[in-house]
């Protein structure tokens, strides 16, 4: 009897721990968080565009910002740090971050930076790698737009509907598991009392 009651308590604790784990957000929720993150700091750059898309089997988090030539590197670092902070809570992890920097002077060409998302999170959030290693091994800077051309927007909507369906599917599986576990424990307790 004690064994079954302990099993029941452990299963209840595990089921509550599952729901209290780190929250994960869909792509639309991640995109909605970006302006809020940038609004809380008055030194943050202006956002022109936010894109989340898939290209060549990889998931991209793409931001376009306005940069001031006096604070160019600070705005780039802030943007990458914000992307790393927000992207670590994505339901499905990002493979690449792309930042397009549009200068305030219209005659200057925009520049693009592409970095490996895991590497950027390790540098900005976890501090596992050095700046030198991150800048040499993980980043690519270019002014060639052909490299960073993003696909059309409808792909995000299709992915979002599958996210919603998988959320409902996971909830149904969890409820089914807990109910089957409760029935089994009840059956074992009833059988033990005979």
Protein backbone atom coordinates (compact mmCIF):
# COMPACT_ATOMS: atom_id res chain seq x y z
CA UNK A 1 0.00 0.00 0.00
CA UNK A 2 2.80 2.37 0.91
CA UNK A 3 4.51 1.61 -2.39
CA UNK A 4 1.45 2.59 -4.41
CA UNK A 5 0.83 5.76 -2.47
CA UNK A 6 4.47 6.78 -3.00
CA UNK A 7 4.10 6.04 -6.71
CA UNK A 8 0.98 8.20 -6.82
CA UNK A 9 2.73 11.11 -5.08
CA UNK A 10 5.77 10.87 -7.35
CA UNK A 11 3.61 10.79 -10.49
CA UNK A 12 1.66 13.86 -9.33
CA UNK A 13 4.90 15.72 -8.58
CA UNK A 14 6.32 14.84 -11.99
CA UNK A 15 3.17 15.94 -13.79
CA UNK A 16 3.28 19.34 -12.04
CA UNK A 17 6.99 19.68 -12.75
CA UNK A 18 6.28 19.12 -16.46
CA UNK A 19 3.88 22.05 -16.60
CA UNK A 20 6.20 24.31 -14.56
CA UNK A 21 9.19 23.83 -16.86
CA UNK A 22 10.70 26.63 -18.95
CA UNK A 23 8.11 28.27 -21.20
CA UNK A 24 8.57 28.03 -24.95
CA UNK A 25 7.00 30.40 -27.46
CA UNK A 26 5.87 30.11 -31.06
CA UNK A 27 7.47 32.10 -33.86
CA UNK A 28 4.68 34.67 -33.87
CA UNK A 29 5.05 35.19 -30.13
CA UNK A 30 8.82 35.59 -30.52
CA UNK A 31 8.30 38.18 -33.27
CA UNK A 32 5.82 40.05 -31.06
CA UNK A 33 8.34 40.16 -28.18
CA UNK A 34 11.04 41.95 -30.18
CA UNK A 35 9.48 45.45 -30.28
CA UNK A 36 8.65 45.23 -26.57
CA UNK A 37 12.24 44.25 -25.78
CA UNK A 38 13.59 47.18 -27.82
CA UNK A 39 11.09 49.68 -26.38
CA UNK A 40 12.32 49.24 -22.82
CA UNK A 41 15.76 50.72 -23.64
CA UNK A 42 15.91 54.24 -25.06
CA UNK A 43 19.36 53.57 -26.63
CA UNK A 44 18.10 50.67 -28.72
CA UNK A 45 18.05 51.03 -32.53
CA UNK A 46 14.85 51.48 -34.50
CA UNK A 47 13.45 48.26 -35.96
CA UNK A 48 12.49 48.35 -39.64
CA UNK A 49 11.51 44.74 -40.13
CA UNK A 50 11.19 41.45 -38.23
CA UNK A 51 11.18 38.16 -40.13
CA UNK A 52 11.22 34.52 -39.09
CA UNK A 53 11.52 32.08 -41.97
CA UNK A 54 12.98 28.83 -43.18
CA UNK A 55 15.57 28.68 -45.94
CA UNK A 56 17.61 25.69 -47.13
CA UNK A 57 16.44 23.57 -44.21
CA UNK A 58 17.45 26.12 -41.57
CA UNK A 59 15.36 28.43 -39.42
CA UNK A 60 16.27 32.13 -39.58
CA UNK A 61 15.57 35.02 -37.19
CA UNK A 62 15.96 38.17 -39.31
CA UNK A 63 15.94 41.78 -38.02
CA UNK A 64 16.46 44.97 -40.00
CA UNK A 65 17.51 48.01 -37.97
CA UNK A 66 18.45 51.66 -38.48
CA UNK A 67 21.98 52.40 -37.32
CA UNK A 68 23.71 55.62 -36.41
CA UNK A 69 27.35 55.65 -37.55
CA UNK A 70 28.44 56.96 -34.12
CA UNK A 71 26.92 53.98 -32.28
CA UNK A 72 27.22 51.37 -35.02
CA UNK A 73 28.85 48.53 -33.05
CA UNK A 74 26.86 49.20 -29.89
CA UNK A 75 23.58 48.94 -31.78
CA UNK A 76 24.70 45.74 -33.50
CA UNK A 77 25.75 44.17 -30.19
CA UNK A 78 22.48 45.24 -28.56
CA UNK A 79 20.46 43.73 -31.41
CA UNK A 80 22.32 40.41 -31.35
CA UNK A 81 22.08 40.23 -27.57
CA UNK A 82 18.33 40.89 -27.76
CA UNK A 83 17.91 38.22 -30.43
CA UNK A 84 19.86 35.71 -28.30
CA UNK A 85 17.85 36.57 -25.18
CA UNK A 86 14.52 36.17 -26.93
CA UNK A 87 15.42 33.22 -29.16
CA UNK A 88 16.49 30.99 -26.29
CA UNK A 89 12.78 30.64 -25.42
CA UNK A 90 11.68 29.54 -28.90
CA UNK A 91 9.72 26.31 -29.09
CA UNK A 92 11.83 25.23 -32.06
CA UNK A 93 15.39 26.60 -31.94
CA UNK A 94 16.77 28.98 -34.55
CA UNK A 95 19.73 28.02 -36.69
CA UNK A 96 20.80 31.50 -37.88
CA UNK A 97 20.42 35.13 -36.87
CA UNK A 98 20.52 37.75 -39.62
CA UNK A 99 20.82 41.47 -38.87
CA UNK A 100 20.52 44.00 -41.70
CA UNK A 101 21.88 47.40 -40.69
CA UNK A 102 20.49 50.36 -42.64
CA UNK A 103 22.69 53.45 -42.10
CA UNK A 104 21.14 56.85 -41.37
CA UNK A 105 23.03 58.26 -44.36
CA UNK A 106 21.07 57.05 -47.39
CA UNK A 107 24.12 57.06 -49.68
CA UNK A 108 25.81 54.32 -47.61
CA UNK A 109 25.12 50.68 -48.44
CA UNK A 110 23.35 48.53 -45.83
CA UNK A 111 25.41 45.79 -44.24
CA UNK A 112 24.29 42.35 -43.17
CA UNK A 113 25.59 40.10 -40.45
CA UNK A 114 24.75 36.41 -40.25
CA UNK A 115 25.67 34.38 -37.21
CA UNK A 116 25.04 30.89 -35.92
CA UNK A 117 22.24 31.16 -33.34
CA UNK A 118 23.60 28.57 -30.91
CA UNK A 119 27.01 30.20 -31.02
CA UNK A 120 25.50 33.65 -30.40
CA UNK A 121 23.50 32.37 -27.44
CA UNK A 122 26.66 30.76 -26.04
CA UNK A 123 28.50 34.09 -26.37
CA UNK A 124 25.84 36.60 -25.29
CA UNK A 125 23.87 34.58 -22.71
CA UNK A 126 25.97 31.74 -21.33
CA UNK A 127 29.42 33.39 -21.80
CA UNK A 128 30.88 30.04 -22.88
CA UNK A 129 32.99 31.36 -25.76
CA UNK A 130 35.18 34.42 -26.22
CA UNK A 131 34.45 37.40 -28.44
CA UNK A 132 37.39 36.51 -30.68
CA UNK A 133 36.16 32.98 -31.27
CA UNK A 134 32.57 34.14 -31.79
CA UNK A 135 33.55 36.84 -34.30
CA UNK A 136 35.95 34.61 -36.25
CA UNK A 137 34.10 31.29 -36.30
CA UNK A 138 30.42 32.18 -36.06
CA UNK A 139 29.80 35.43 -37.94
CA UNK A 140 29.77 36.53 -41.53
CA UNK A 141 29.45 40.21 -42.54
CA UNK A 142 28.56 41.21 -46.08
CA UNK A 143 26.99 43.98 -48.12
CA UNK A 144 25.81 41.51 -50.79
CA UNK A 145 22.01 41.22 -50.54
CA UNK A 146 21.90 38.10 -52.71
CA UNK A 147 23.31 36.01 -49.87
CA UNK A 148 20.61 37.08 -47.43
CA UNK A 149 17.48 37.06 -49.59
CA UNK A 150 14.55 35.81 -47.53
CA UNK A 151 11.67 33.76 -48.95
CA UNK A 152 8.11 35.07 -49.09
CA UNK A 153 6.10 35.44 -45.87
CA UNK A 154 3.37 32.74 -46.18
CA UNK A 155 5.70 30.04 -44.81
CA UNK A 156 5.36 31.42 -41.28
CA UNK A 157 1.56 31.06 -41.29
CA UNK A 158 1.74 27.44 -42.38
CA UNK A 159 4.25 26.66 -39.65
CA UNK A 160 2.15 28.47 -37.05
CA UNK A 161 -0.91 26.32 -37.68
CA UNK A 162 1.15 23.18 -37.18
CA UNK A 163 2.49 24.62 -33.89
CA UNK A 164 -1.06 25.13 -32.62
CA UNK A 165 -2.01 21.61 -33.65
CA UNK A 166 1.02 20.12 -31.91
CA UNK A 167 0.20 22.08 -28.72
CA UNK A 168 -3.27 20.55 -28.61
CA UNK A 169 -1.87 17.13 -29.46
CA UNK A 170 0.67 17.33 -26.61
CA UNK A 171 -2.04 18.40 -24.14
CA UNK A 172 -4.26 15.49 -25.19
CA UNK A 173 -1.34 13.08 -24.74
CA UNK A 174 -0.59 14.46 -21.27
CA UNK A 175 -4.22 14.20 -20.13
CA UNK A 176 -4.48 10.69 -21.55
CA UNK A 177 -1.27 9.61 -19.78
CA UNK A 178 -2.37 11.01 -16.41
CA UNK A 179 -5.84 9.43 -16.66
CA UNK A 180 -4.41 6.01 -17.61
CA UNK A 181 -1.94 6.28 -14.74
CA UNK A 182 -4.75 7.15 -12.31
CA UNK A 183 -6.86 4.19 -13.51
CA UNK A 184 -3.91 1.79 -13.14
CA UNK A 185 -3.11 3.02 -9.64
CA UNK A 186 -6.77 2.79 -8.64
CA UNK A 187 -6.97 -0.76 -10.00
CA UNK A 188 -3.81 -1.77 -8.11
CA UNK A 189 -5.04 -0.21 -4.85
CA UNK A 190 -8.41 -1.96 -5.16
CA UNK A 191 -6.72 -5.27 -5.92
CA UNK A 192 -4.31 -4.86 -2.97
CA UNK A 193 -7.16 -4.19 -0.50
CA UNK A 194 -8.84 -7.58 -1.29
